[in-house]
Amino acid sequence: RSEVVETILAAFFKSSVDHTKKARELIIKKKKR
């Protein structure tokens, strides 16, 4: 593994986690309505 690959994987994982949090927030808002 190279440092570049690890950096890309870390960035991808971080972005996927952010998307999951946003999706959960949207679902919670829809359920409240």
N, C-alpha and C. Protein backbone atom coordinates (compact mmCIF):
# COMPACT_ATOMS: atom_id res chain seq x y z
N ARG A 1 0.85 -1.21 0.00
CA ARG A 1 0.00 0.00 0.00
C ARG A 1 0.87 1.25 0.00
N SER A 2 0.48 2.21 -0.80
CA SER A 2 1.23 3.47 -0.84
C SER A 2 0.47 4.52 -0.05
N GLU A 3 1.16 5.61 0.26
CA GLU A 3 0.49 6.68 1.03
C GLU A 3 -0.66 7.28 0.24
N VAL A 4 -0.51 7.34 -1.08
CA VAL A 4 -1.57 7.93 -1.92
C VAL A 4 -2.84 7.10 -1.81
N VAL A 5 -2.70 5.78 -1.90
CA VAL A 5 -3.88 4.91 -1.83
C VAL A 5 -4.56 5.08 -0.48
N GLU A 6 -3.79 5.09 0.59
CA GLU A 6 -4.38 5.24 1.93
C GLU A 6 -5.10 6.58 2.06
N THR A 7 -4.51 7.63 1.47
CA THR A 7 -5.15 8.95 1.54
C THR A 7 -6.48 8.95 0.80
N ILE A 8 -6.49 8.32 -0.38
CA ILE A 8 -7.74 8.27 -1.17
C ILE A 8 -8.80 7.48 -0.42
N LEU A 9 -8.41 6.33 0.13
CA LEU A 9 -9.38 5.51 0.87
C LEU A 9 -9.91 6.28 2.08
N ALA A 10 -9.04 6.99 2.78
CA ALA A 10 -9.47 7.75 3.95
C ALA A 10 -10.46 8.84 3.54
N ALA A 11 -10.17 9.53 2.45
CA ALA A 11 -11.05 10.60 1.98
C ALA A 11 -12.39 10.01 1.54
N PHE A 12 -12.35 8.88 0.84
CA PHE A 12 -13.59 8.25 0.38
C PHE A 12 -14.43 7.80 1.57
N PHE A 13 -13.77 7.18 2.57
CA PHE A 13 -14.50 6.71 3.75
C PHE A 13 -15.12 7.89 4.49
N LYS A 14 -14.36 8.98 4.63
CA LYS A 14 -14.87 10.15 5.34
C LYS A 14 -16.08 10.73 4.62
N SER A 15 -16.00 10.82 3.29
CA SER A 15 -17.12 11.40 2.53
C SER A 15 -18.34 10.49 2.63
N SER A 16 -18.12 9.17 2.60
CA SER A 16 -19.25 8.24 2.68
C SER A 16 -19.92 8.37 4.05
N VAL A 17 -19.12 8.57 5.10
CA VAL A 17 -19.69 8.73 6.45
C VAL A 17 -20.52 10.01 6.50
N ASP A 18 -20.01 11.09 5.89
CA ASP A 18 -20.75 12.36 5.89
C ASP A 18 -22.08 12.18 5.16
N HIS A 19 -22.07 11.45 4.03
CA HIS A 19 -23.31 11.24 3.27
C HIS A 19 -24.30 10.45 4.12
N THR A 20 -23.80 9.47 4.87
CA THR A 20 -24.69 8.66 5.70
C THR A 20 -25.35 9.52 6.77
N LYS A 21 -24.57 10.41 7.38
CA LYS A 21 -25.13 11.29 8.42
C LYS A 21 -26.20 12.20 7.82
N LYS A 22 -25.93 12.77 6.64
CA LYS A 22 -26.90 13.66 6.00
C LYS A 22 -28.17 12.89 5.66
N ALA A 23 -28.01 11.66 5.16
CA ALA A 23 -29.18 10.85 4.79
C ALA A 23 -30.02 10.58 6.03
N ARG A 24 -29.37 10.24 7.14
CA ARG A 24 -30.12 9.97 8.38
C ARG A 24 -30.87 11.21 8.83
N GLU A 25 -30.23 12.38 8.73
CA GLU A 25 -30.89 13.62 9.16
C GLU A 25 -32.13 13.88 8.30
N LEU A 26 -32.02 13.63 6.97
CA LEU A 26 -33.17 13.85 6.09
C LEU A 26 -34.29 12.89 6.43
N ILE A 27 -33.95 11.63 6.73
CA ILE A 27 -34.98 10.64 7.07
C ILE A 27 -35.68 11.05 8.36
N ILE A 28 -34.92 11.51 9.35
CA ILE A 28 -35.51 11.93 10.63
C ILE A 28 -36.46 13.10 10.40
N LYS A 29 -36.05 14.07 9.58
CA LYS A 29 -36.91 15.23 9.31
C LYS A 29 -38.20 14.79 8.63
N LYS A 30 -38.11 13.85 7.69
CA LYS A 30 -39.32 13.39 6.99
C LYS A 30 -40.25 12.67 7.95
N LYS A 31 -39.69 11.87 8.87
CA LYS A 31 -40.53 11.14 9.81
C LYS A 31 -41.25 12.10 10.75
N LYS A 32 -40.59 13.19 11.14
CA LYS A 32 -41.23 14.16 12.05
C LYS A 32 -42.43 14.80 11.38
N ARG A 33 -42.36 15.02 10.07
CA ARG A 33 -43.49 15.63 9.36
C ARG A 33 -44.62 14.61 9.26
